[in-house]
Amino acid sequence: MKKIEAVIKPFKLDEVREAVTALGCSGLTVTEVKGFGRQKGHT
């Protein structure tokens, strides 16, 4: 078994949830987080 952790844009959550449940996944956990990568924040 594997645990998939995906860090995504908040407005994409519903699309991701629908895509994952359509494959037969019975549950998932969602957490609101903050961070940065190459984007490095903005002004």
All heavy atoms as atom14 arrays in JSON, in Angstrom:
{
  "sequence": "MKKIEAVIKPFKLDEVREAVTALGCSGLTVTEVKGFGRQKGHT",
  "atom14_mask": [
    [1, 1, 1, 1, 1, 1, 1, 1, 0, 0, 0, 0, 0, 0],
    [1, 1, 1, 1, 1, 1, 1, 1, 1, 0, 0, 0, 0, 0],
    [1, 1, 1, 1, 1, 1, 1, 1, 1, 0, 0, 0, 0, 0],
    [1, 1, 1, 1, 1, 1, 1, 1, 0, 0, 0, 0, 0, 0],
    [1, 1, 1, 1, 1, 1, 1, 1, 1, 0, 0, 0, 0, 0],
    [1, 1, 1, 1, 1, 0, 0, 0, 0, 0, 0, 0, 0, 0],
    [1, 1, 1, 1, 1, 1, 1, 0, 0, 0, 0, 0, 0, 0],
    [1, 1, 1, 1, 1, 1, 1, 1, 0, 0, 0, 0, 0, 0],
    [1, 1, 1, 1, 1, 1, 1, 1, 1, 0, 0, 0, 0, 0],
    [1, 1, 1, 1, 1, 1, 1, 0, 0, 0, 0, 0, 0, 0],
    [1, 1, 1, 1, 1, 1, 1, 1, 1, 1, 1, 0, 0, 0],
    [1, 1, 1, 1, 1, 1, 1, 1, 1, 0, 0, 0, 0, 0],
    [1, 1, 1, 1, 1, 1, 1, 1, 0, 0, 0, 0, 0, 0],
    [1, 1, 1, 1, 1, 1, 1, 1, 0, 0, 0, 0, 0, 0],
    [1, 1, 1, 1, 1, 1, 1, 1, 1, 0, 0, 0, 0, 0],
    [1, 1, 1, 1, 1, 1, 1, 0, 0, 0, 0, 0, 0, 0],
    [1, 1, 1, 1, 1, 1, 1, 1, 1, 1, 1, 0, 0, 0],
    [1, 1, 1, 1, 1, 1, 1, 1, 1, 0, 0, 0, 0, 0],
    [1, 1, 1, 1, 1, 0, 0, 0, 0, 0, 0, 0, 0, 0],
    [1, 1, 1, 1, 1, 1, 1, 0, 0, 0, 0, 0, 0, 0],
    [1, 1, 1, 1, 1, 1, 1, 0, 0, 0, 0, 0, 0, 0],
    [1, 1, 1, 1, 1, 0, 0, 0, 0, 0, 0, 0, 0, 0],
    [1, 1, 1, 1, 1, 1, 1, 1, 0, 0, 0, 0, 0, 0],
    [1, 1, 1, 1, 0, 0, 0, 0, 0, 0, 0, 0, 0, 0],
    [1, 1, 1, 1, 1, 1, 0, 0, 0, 0, 0, 0, 0, 0],
    [1, 1, 1, 1, 1, 1, 0, 0, 0, 0, 0, 0, 0, 0],
    [1, 1, 1, 1, 0, 0, 0, 0, 0, 0, 0, 0, 0, 0],
    [1, 1, 1, 1, 1, 1, 1, 1, 0, 0, 0, 0, 0, 0],
    [1, 1, 1, 1, 1, 1, 1, 0, 0, 0, 0, 0, 0, 0],
    [1, 1, 1, 1, 1, 1, 1, 0, 0, 0, 0, 0, 0, 0],
    [1, 1, 1, 1, 1, 1, 1, 0, 0, 0, 0, 0, 0, 0],
    [1, 1, 1, 1, 1, 1, 1, 1, 1, 0, 0, 0, 0, 0],
    [1, 1, 1, 1, 1, 1, 1, 0, 0, 0, 0, 0, 0, 0],
    [1, 1, 1, 1, 1, 1, 1, 1, 1, 0, 0, 0, 0, 0],
    [1, 1, 1, 1, 0, 0, 0, 0, 0, 0, 0, 0, 0, 0],
    [1, 1, 1, 1, 1, 1, 1, 1, 1, 1, 1, 0, 0, 0],
    [1, 1, 1, 1, 0, 0, 0, 0, 0, 0, 0, 0, 0, 0],
    [1, 1, 1, 1, 1, 1, 1, 1, 1, 1, 1, 0, 0, 0],
    [1, 1, 1, 1, 1, 1, 1, 1, 1, 0, 0, 0, 0, 0],
    [1, 1, 1, 1, 1, 1, 1, 1, 1, 0, 0, 0, 0, 0],
    [1, 1, 1, 1, 0, 0, 0, 0, 0, 0, 0, 0, 0, 0],
    [1, 1, 1, 1, 1, 1, 1, 1, 1, 1, 0, 0, 0, 0],
    [1, 1, 1, 1, 1, 1, 1, 0, 0, 0, 0, 0, 0, 0]
  ],
  "atom14_positions": [
    [[0.84, -1.18, 0.0], [0.0, 0.0, 0.0], [0.88, 1.24, 0.0], [2.0, 1.21, 0.49], [-0.91, 0.01, 1.23], [-2.01, -1.01, 1.17], [-3.0, -1.02, 2.67], [-1.86, -1.76, 3.81], [0.0, 0.0, 0.0], [0.0, 0.0, 0.0], [0.0, 0.0, 0.0], [0.0, 0.0, 0.0], [0.0, 0.0, 0.0], [0.0, 0.0, 0.0]],
    [[0.33, 2.31, -0.55], [1.04, 3.58, -0.63], [0.15, 4.71, -0.16], [-1.07, 4.67, -0.3], [1.46, 3.88, -2.07], [2.3, 2.81, -2.73], [3.68, 2.76, -2.15], [4.51, 1.75, -2.94], [5.68, 1.33, -2.26], [0.0, 0.0, 0.0], [0.0, 0.0, 0.0], [0.0, 0.0, 0.0], [0.0, 0.0, 0.0], [0.0, 0.0, 0.0]],
    [[0.79, 5.74, 0.41], [0.08, 6.95, 0.78], [0.49, 8.03, -0.21], [1.68, 8.3, -0.41], [0.46, 7.39, 2.2], [-0.2, 8.68, 2.64], [0.24, 9.04, 4.04], [-0.42, 10.31, 4.51], [0.08, 10.69, 5.83], [0.0, 0.0, 0.0], [0.0, 0.0, 0.0], [0.0, 0.0, 0.0], [0.0, 0.0, 0.0], [0.0, 0.0, 0.0]],
    [[-0.49, 8.64, -0.84], [-0.25, 9.73, -1.78], [-0.57, 11.03, -1.07], [-1.68, 11.19, -0.54], [-1.12, 9.58, -3.03], [-0.83, 8.27, -3.74], [-0.91, 10.77, -3.98], [-1.8, 7.94, -4.86], [0.0, 0.0, 0.0], [0.0, 0.0, 0.0], [0.0, 0.0, 0.0], [0.0, 0.0, 0.0], [0.0, 0.0, 0.0], [0.0, 0.0, 0.0]],
    [[0.38, 11.95, -1.05], [0.16, 13.29, -0.52], [0.3, 14.26, -1.69], [1.36, 14.33, -2.3], [1.18, 13.64, 0.56], [1.05, 12.83, 1.81], [2.03, 13.25, 2.9], [2.85, 14.16, 2.66], [1.96, 12.66, 3.99], [0.0, 0.0, 0.0], [0.0, 0.0, 0.0], [0.0, 0.0, 0.0], [0.0, 0.0, 0.0], [0.0, 0.0, 0.0]],
    [[-0.76, 14.97, -1.99], [-0.75, 15.94, -3.09], [-0.99, 17.33, -2.52], [-1.98, 17.55, -1.84], [-1.82, 15.59, -4.11], [0.0, 0.0, 0.0], [0.0, 0.0, 0.0], [0.0, 0.0, 0.0], [0.0, 0.0, 0.0], [0.0, 0.0, 0.0], [0.0, 0.0, 0.0], [0.0, 0.0, 0.0], [0.0, 0.0, 0.0], [0.0, 0.0, 0.0]],
    [[-0.08, 18.24, -2.81], [-0.24, 19.63, -2.4], [-0.67, 20.39, -3.64], [0.06, 20.45, -4.64], [1.08, 20.2, -1.83], [0.89, 21.66, -1.43], [1.55, 19.37, -0.65], [0.0, 0.0, 0.0], [0.0, 0.0, 0.0], [0.0, 0.0, 0.0], [0.0, 0.0, 0.0], [0.0, 0.0, 0.0], [0.0, 0.0, 0.0], [0.0, 0.0, 0.0]],
    [[-1.89, 20.94, -3.61], [-2.5, 21.54, -4.8], [-3.06, 22.92, -4.5], [-3.13, 23.33, -3.35], [-3.63, 20.63, -5.33], [-4.73, 20.47, -4.28], [-3.07, 19.26, -5.76], [-5.98, 19.79, -4.78], [0.0, 0.0, 0.0], [0.0, 0.0, 0.0], [0.0, 0.0, 0.0], [0.0, 0.0, 0.0], [0.0, 0.0, 0.0], [0.0, 0.0, 0.0]],
    [[-3.48, 23.6, -5.56], [-4.15, 24.89, -5.39], [-5.56, 24.65, -4.82], [-6.24, 23.7, -5.21], [-4.25, 25.61, -6.73], [-2.89, 26.05, -7.26], [-3.02, 26.82, -8.55], [-1.66, 27.33, -8.98], [-1.71, 28.16, -10.19], [0.0, 0.0, 0.0], [0.0, 0.0, 0.0], [0.0, 0.0, 0.0], [0.0, 0.0, 0.0], [0.0, 0.0, 0.0]],
    [[-5.99, 25.51, -3.9], [-7.28, 25.27, -3.22], [-8.48, 25.16, -4.15], [-9.37, 24.34, -3.92], [-7.42, 26.49, -2.3], [-6.03, 26.94, -2.06], [-5.28, 26.66, -3.34], [0.0, 0.0, 0.0], [0.0, 0.0, 0.0], [0.0, 0.0, 0.0], [0.0, 0.0, 0.0], [0.0, 0.0, 0.0], [0.0, 0.0, 0.0], [0.0, 0.0, 0.0]],
    [[-8.52, 25.94, -5.23], [-9.7, 25.91, -6.1], [-9.78, 24.65, -6.94], [-10.78, 24.39, -7.6], [-9.77, 27.17, -6.98], [-8.67, 27.28, -8.0], [-8.81, 26.72, -9.25], [-7.5, 27.95, -7.7], [-7.81, 26.82, -10.2], [-6.49, 28.08, -8.64], [-6.64, 27.51, -9.89], [0.0, 0.0, 0.0], [0.0, 0.0, 0.0], [0.0, 0.0, 0.0]],
    [[-8.75, 23.8, -6.9], [-8.75, 22.53, -7.64], [-9.2, 21.35, -6.78], [-9.27, 20.23, -7.26], [-7.35, 22.25, -8.19], [-6.97, 23.14, -9.35], [-7.87, 22.83, -10.52], [-7.32, 23.28, -11.83], [-8.15, 22.76, -12.93], [0.0, 0.0, 0.0], [0.0, 0.0, 0.0], [0.0, 0.0, 0.0], [0.0, 0.0, 0.0], [0.0, 0.0, 0.0]],
    [[-9.53, 21.61, -5.52], [-9.87, 20.52, -4.6], [-11.06, 19.7, -5.07], [-11.02, 18.47, -5.06], [-10.12, 21.07, -3.19], [-10.56, 20.04, -2.15], [-9.52, 18.95, -1.99], [-10.85, 20.72, -0.83], [0.0, 0.0, 0.0], [0.0, 0.0, 0.0], [0.0, 0.0, 0.0], [0.0, 0.0, 0.0], [0.0, 0.0, 0.0], [0.0, 0.0, 0.0]],
    [[-12.15, 20.33, -5.47], [-13.34, 19.58, -5.88], [-13.06, 18.69, -7.08], [-13.51, 17.55, -7.14], [-14.5, 20.53, -6.17], [-15.11, 21.1, -4.91], [-15.01, 20.45, -3.85], [-15.69, 22.2, -4.98], [0.0, 0.0, 0.0], [0.0, 0.0, 0.0], [0.0, 0.0, 0.0], [0.0, 0.0, 0.0], [0.0, 0.0, 0.0], [0.0, 0.0, 0.0]],
    [[-12.29, 19.21, -8.04], [-11.96, 18.4, -9.22], [-11.12, 17.19, -8.84], [-11.33, 16.09, -9.35], [-11.22, 19.25, -10.25], [-12.09, 20.31, -10.89], [-11.27, 21.2, -11.82], [-10.55, 20.66, -12.69], [-11.37, 22.44, -11.68], [0.0, 0.0, 0.0], [0.0, 0.0, 0.0], [0.0, 0.0, 0.0], [0.0, 0.0, 0.0], [0.0, 0.0, 0.0]],
    [[-10.15, 17.38, -7.94], [-9.3, 16.28, -7.5], [-10.12, 15.25, -6.74], [-9.99, 14.05, -6.95], [-8.12, 16.81, -6.66], [-7.38, 15.67, -5.97], [-7.17, 17.62, -7.53], [0.0, 0.0, 0.0], [0.0, 0.0, 0.0], [0.0, 0.0, 0.0], [0.0, 0.0, 0.0], [0.0, 0.0, 0.0], [0.0, 0.0, 0.0], [0.0, 0.0, 0.0]],
    [[-11.0, 15.72, -5.84], [-11.84, 14.79, -5.07], [-12.71, 13.95, -6.0], [-12.81, 12.74, -5.84], [-12.72, 15.56, -4.09], [-13.6, 14.65, -3.24], [-14.6, 15.42, -2.38], [-15.37, 16.39, -3.14], [-16.46, 16.09, -3.89], [-16.86, 14.84, -3.98], [-17.11, 17.04, -4.52], [0.0, 0.0, 0.0], [0.0, 0.0, 0.0], [0.0, 0.0, 0.0]],
    [[-13.32, 14.59, -6.97], [-14.17, 13.85, -7.91], [-13.37, 12.84, -8.72], [-13.81, 11.71, -8.93], [-14.88, 14.83, -8.85], [-15.95, 15.66, -8.16], [-16.47, 16.79, -9.02], [-16.1, 16.87, -10.21], [-17.25, 17.6, -8.5], [0.0, 0.0, 0.0], [0.0, 0.0, 0.0], [0.0, 0.0, 0.0], [0.0, 0.0, 0.0], [0.0, 0.0, 0.0]],
    [[-12.17, 13.22, -9.15], [-11.33, 12.31, -9.94], [-10.89, 11.1, -9.13], [-10.9, 9.96, -9.63], [-10.11, 13.06, -10.47], [0.0, 0.0, 0.0], [0.0, 0.0, 0.0], [0.0, 0.0, 0.0], [0.0, 0.0, 0.0], [0.0, 0.0, 0.0], [0.0, 0.0, 0.0], [0.0, 0.0, 0.0], [0.0, 0.0, 0.0], [0.0, 0.0, 0.0]],
    [[-10.54, 11.31, -7.87], [-10.07, 10.22, -7.02], [-11.22, 9.29, -6.64], [-11.08, 8.06, -6.68], [-9.37, 10.8, -5.76], [-9.11, 9.72, -4.74], [-8.07, 11.48, -6.15], [0.0, 0.0, 0.0], [0.0, 0.0, 0.0], [0.0, 0.0, 0.0], [0.0, 0.0, 0.0], [0.0, 0.0, 0.0], [0.0, 0.0, 0.0], [0.0, 0.0, 0.0]],
    [[-12.38, 9.85, -6.29], [-13.5, 8.99, -5.91], [-14.06, 8.24, -7.12], [-14.58, 7.14, -6.97], [-14.63, 9.79, -5.23], [-15.01, 10.88, -6.06], [-14.16, 10.32, -3.88], [0.0, 0.0, 0.0], [0.0, 0.0, 0.0], [0.0, 0.0, 0.0], [0.0, 0.0, 0.0], [0.0, 0.0, 0.0], [0.0, 0.0, 0.0], [0.0, 0.0, 0.0]],
    [[-13.93, 8.8, -8.32], [-14.38, 8.1, -9.53], [-13.58, 6.83, -9.78], [-14.06, 5.89, -10.42], [-14.28, 9.02, -10.74], [0.0, 0.0, 0.0], [0.0, 0.0, 0.0], [0.0, 0.0, 0.0], [0.0, 0.0, 0.0], [0.0, 0.0, 0.0], [0.0, 0.0, 0.0], [0.0, 0.0, 0.0], [0.0, 0.0, 0.0], [0.0, 0.0, 0.0]],
    [[-12.36, 6.77, -9.25], [-11.52, 5.58, -9.41], [-11.82, 4.52, -8.35], [-11.25, 3.44, -8.38], [-10.04, 5.96, -9.34], [-9.51, 6.76, -10.52], [-8.07, 7.17, -10.26], [-9.61, 5.95, -11.8], [0.0, 0.0, 0.0], [0.0, 0.0, 0.0], [0.0, 0.0, 0.0], [0.0, 0.0, 0.0], [0.0, 0.0, 0.0], [0.0, 0.0, 0.0]],
    [[-12.66, 4.85, -7.38], [-13.03, 3.88, -6.36], [-12.36, 4.07, -5.03], [-12.49, 3.21, -4.14], [0.0, 0.0, 0.0], [0.0, 0.0, 0.0], [0.0, 0.0, 0.0], [0.0, 0.0, 0.0], [0.0, 0.0, 0.0], [0.0, 0.0, 0.0], [0.0, 0.0, 0.0], [0.0, 0.0, 0.0], [0.0, 0.0, 0.0], [0.0, 0.0, 0.0]],
    [[-11.64, 5.15, -4.83], [-11.04, 5.42, -3.52], [-12.16, 5.76, -2.55], [-13.0, 6.6, -2.83], [-10.04, 6.57, -3.6], [-8.58, 6.16, -4.56], [0.0, 0.0, 0.0], [0.0, 0.0, 0.0], [0.0, 0.0, 0.0], [0.0, 0.0, 0.0], [0.0, 0.0, 0.0], [0.0, 0.0, 0.0], [0.0, 0.0, 0.0], [0.0, 0.0, 0.0]],
    [[-12.15, 5.11, -1.4], [-13.27, 5.26, -0.47], [-13.14, 6.45, 0.46], [-14.11, 6.8, 1.13], [-13.43, 3.98, 0.35], [-12.23, 3.72, 1.06], [0.0, 0.0, 0.0], [0.0, 0.0, 0.0], [0.0, 0.0, 0.0], [0.0, 0.0, 0.0], [0.0, 0.0, 0.0], [0.0, 0.0, 0.0], [0.0, 0.0, 0.0], [0.0, 0.0, 0.0]],
    [[-11.98, 7.06, 0.55], [-11.83, 8.19, 1.44], [-10.55, 8.94, 1.2], [-9.62, 8.43, 0.58], [0.0, 0.0, 0.0], [0.0, 0.0, 0.0], [0.0, 0.0, 0.0], [0.0, 0.0, 0.0], [0.0, 0.0, 0.0], [0.0, 0.0, 0.0], [0.0, 0.0, 0.0], [0.0, 0.0, 0.0], [0.0, 0.0, 0.0], [0.0, 0.0, 0.0]],
    [[-10.52, 10.17, 1.68], [-9.31, 10.97, 1.61], [-9.33, 11.99, 2.73], [-10.37, 12.24, 3.34], [-9.14, 11.66, 0.25], [-10.28, 12.52, -0.31], [-10.18, 13.94, 0.18], [-10.18, 12.52, -1.82], [0.0, 0.0, 0.0], [0.0, 0.0, 0.0], [0.0, 0.0, 0.0], [0.0, 0.0, 0.0], [0.0, 0.0, 0.0], [0.0, 0.0, 0.0]],
    [[-8.18, 12.56, 3.01], [-8.04, 13.56, 4.06], [-7.55, 14.85, 3.43], [-6.66, 14.83, 2.58], [-7.03, 13.1, 5.13], [-7.47, 11.86, 5.67], [-6.9, 14.12, 6.25], [0.0, 0.0, 0.0], [0.0, 0.0, 0.0], [0.0, 0.0, 0.0], [0.0, 0.0, 0.0], [0.0, 0.0, 0.0], [0.0, 0.0, 0.0], [0.0, 0.0, 0.0]],
    [[-8.14, 15.97, 3.83], [-7.79, 17.27, 3.28], [-7.35, 18.19, 4.42], [-8.01, 18.26, 5.45], [-8.99, 17.9, 2.53], [-8.64, 19.28, 2.03], [-9.42, 17.0, 1.39], [0.0, 0.0, 0.0], [0.0, 0.0, 0.0], [0.0, 0.0, 0.0], [0.0, 0.0, 0.0], [0.0, 0.0, 0.0], [0.0, 0.0, 0.0], [0.0, 0.0, 0.0]],
    [[-6.24, 18.88, 4.2], [-5.71, 19.82, 5.18], [-5.38, 21.12, 4.47], [-4.76, 21.1, 3.41], [-4.42, 19.28, 5.84], [-4.64, 17.95, 6.29], [-4.0, 20.14, 7.0], [0.0, 0.0, 0.0], [0.0, 0.0, 0.0], [0.0, 0.0, 0.0], [0.0, 0.0, 0.0], [0.0, 0.0, 0.0], [0.0, 0.0, 0.0], [0.0, 0.0, 0.0]],
    [[-5.77, 22.25, 5.06], [-5.37, 23.54, 4.52], [-3.96, 23.82, 5.02], [-3.69, 23.76, 6.22], [-6.33, 24.64, 4.99], [-7.71, 24.51, 4.38], [-8.64, 25.63, 4.81], [-8.17, 26.62, 5.4], [-9.84, 25.49, 4.56], [0.0, 0.0, 0.0], [0.0, 0.0, 0.0], [0.0, 0.0, 0.0], [0.0, 0.0, 0.0], [0.0, 0.0, 0.0]],
    [[-3.06, 24.12, 4.08], [-1.66, 24.37, 4.42], [-1.18, 25.64, 3.73], [-1.88, 26.19, 2.88], [-0.76, 23.17, 4.01], [-1.11, 21.93, 4.81], [-0.85, 22.91, 2.53], [0.0, 0.0, 0.0], [0.0, 0.0, 0.0], [0.0, 0.0, 0.0], [0.0, 0.0, 0.0], [0.0, 0.0, 0.0], [0.0, 0.0, 0.0], [0.0, 0.0, 0.0]],
    [[-0.01, 26.1, 4.11], [0.63, 27.23, 3.45], [2.05, 26.84, 3.12], [2.68, 26.09, 3.87], [0.63, 28.47, 4.35], [-0.72, 29.05, 4.6], [-0.61, 30.29, 5.44], [-2.0, 30.88, 5.66], [-1.94, 32.17, 6.33], [0.0, 0.0, 0.0], [0.0, 0.0, 0.0], [0.0, 0.0, 0.0], [0.0, 0.0, 0.0], [0.0, 0.0, 0.0]],
    [[2.57, 27.37, 2.03], [3.94, 27.06, 1.67], [4.37, 27.77, 0.4], [3.63, 28.59, -0.15], [0.0, 0.0, 0.0], [0.0, 0.0, 0.0], [0.0, 0.0, 0.0], [0.0, 0.0, 0.0], [0.0, 0.0, 0.0], [0.0, 0.0, 0.0], [0.0, 0.0, 0.0], [0.0, 0.0, 0.0], [0.0, 0.0, 0.0], [0.0, 0.0, 0.0]],
    [[5.57, 27.44, -0.04], [6.06, 27.97, -1.3], [7.07, 27.01, -1.88], [7.68, 26.21, -1.19], [6.68, 29.37, -1.13], [7.98, 29.38, -0.38], [9.18, 29.25, -1.07], [8.01, 29.5, 0.99], [10.39, 29.26, -0.39], [9.2, 29.51, 1.68], [10.4, 29.38, 0.99], [0.0, 0.0, 0.0], [0.0, 0.0, 0.0], [0.0, 0.0, 0.0]],
    [[7.24, 27.1, -3.17], [8.24, 26.33, -3.89], [8.94, 27.29, -4.83], [9.41, 28.34, -4.42], [0.0, 0.0, 0.0], [0.0, 0.0, 0.0], [0.0, 0.0, 0.0], [0.0, 0.0, 0.0], [0.0, 0.0, 0.0], [0.0, 0.0, 0.0], [0.0, 0.0, 0.0], [0.0, 0.0, 0.0], [0.0, 0.0, 0.0], [0.0, 0.0, 0.0]],
    [[8.96, 26.95, -6.1], [9.57, 27.83, -7.09], [8.82, 29.15, -7.21], [9.36, 30.14, -7.63], [9.6, 27.15, -8.45], [10.58, 26.03, -8.51], [10.67, 25.5, -9.9], [11.58, 24.37, -9.96], [11.65, 23.55, -10.95], [10.87, 23.7, -12.0], [12.51, 22.55, -10.94], [0.0, 0.0, 0.0], [0.0, 0.0, 0.0], [0.0, 0.0, 0.0]],
    [[7.56, 29.13, -6.83], [6.72, 30.32, -6.94], [7.23, 31.44, -6.04], [7.08, 32.61, -6.35], [5.28, 29.95, -6.56], [4.24, 30.82, -7.17], [2.84, 30.26, -6.9], [2.67, 29.24, -6.24], [1.85, 30.92, -7.42], [0.0, 0.0, 0.0], [0.0, 0.0, 0.0], [0.0, 0.0, 0.0], [0.0, 0.0, 0.0], [0.0, 0.0, 0.0]],
    [[7.84, 31.09, -4.92], [8.49, 32.03, -4.0], [7.58, 33.13, -3.47], [8.03, 34.21, -3.16], [9.7, 32.68, -4.66], [10.76, 31.71, -5.11], [11.69, 31.35, -3.99], [12.92, 30.67, -4.49], [12.77, 29.26, -4.72], [0.0, 0.0, 0.0], [0.0, 0.0, 0.0], [0.0, 0.0, 0.0], [0.0, 0.0, 0.0], [0.0, 0.0, 0.0]],
    [[6.29, 32.89, -3.39], [5.38, 33.92, -2.9], [5.2, 35.03, -3.91], [5.58, 34.92, -5.06], [0.0, 0.0, 0.0], [0.0, 0.0, 0.0], [0.0, 0.0, 0.0], [0.0, 0.0, 0.0], [0.0, 0.0, 0.0], [0.0, 0.0, 0.0], [0.0, 0.0, 0.0], [0.0, 0.0, 0.0], [0.0, 0.0, 0.0], [0.0, 0.0, 0.0]],
    [[4.62, 36.13, -3.48], [4.41, 37.27, -4.37], [4.13, 38.53, -3.54], [3.95, 38.45, -2.33], [3.25, 37.0, -5.34], [1.93, 36.79, -4.67], [1.55, 35.59, -4.11], [0.9, 37.64, -4.44], [0.35, 35.71, -3.59], [-0.07, 36.95, -3.76], [0.0, 0.0, 0.0], [0.0, 0.0, 0.0], [0.0, 0.0, 0.0], [0.0, 0.0, 0.0]],
    [[4.1, 39.67, -4.21], [3.78, 40.91, -3.53], [2.35, 41.31, -3.86], [1.86, 41.05, -4.96], [4.74, 42.06, -3.94], [4.65, 42.24, -5.34], [6.16, 41.73, -3.55], [0.0, 0.0, 0.0], [0.0, 0.0, 0.0], [0.0, 0.0, 0.0], [0.0, 0.0, 0.0], [0.0, 0.0, 0.0], [0.0, 0.0, 0.0], [0.0, 0.0, 0.0]]
  ]
}
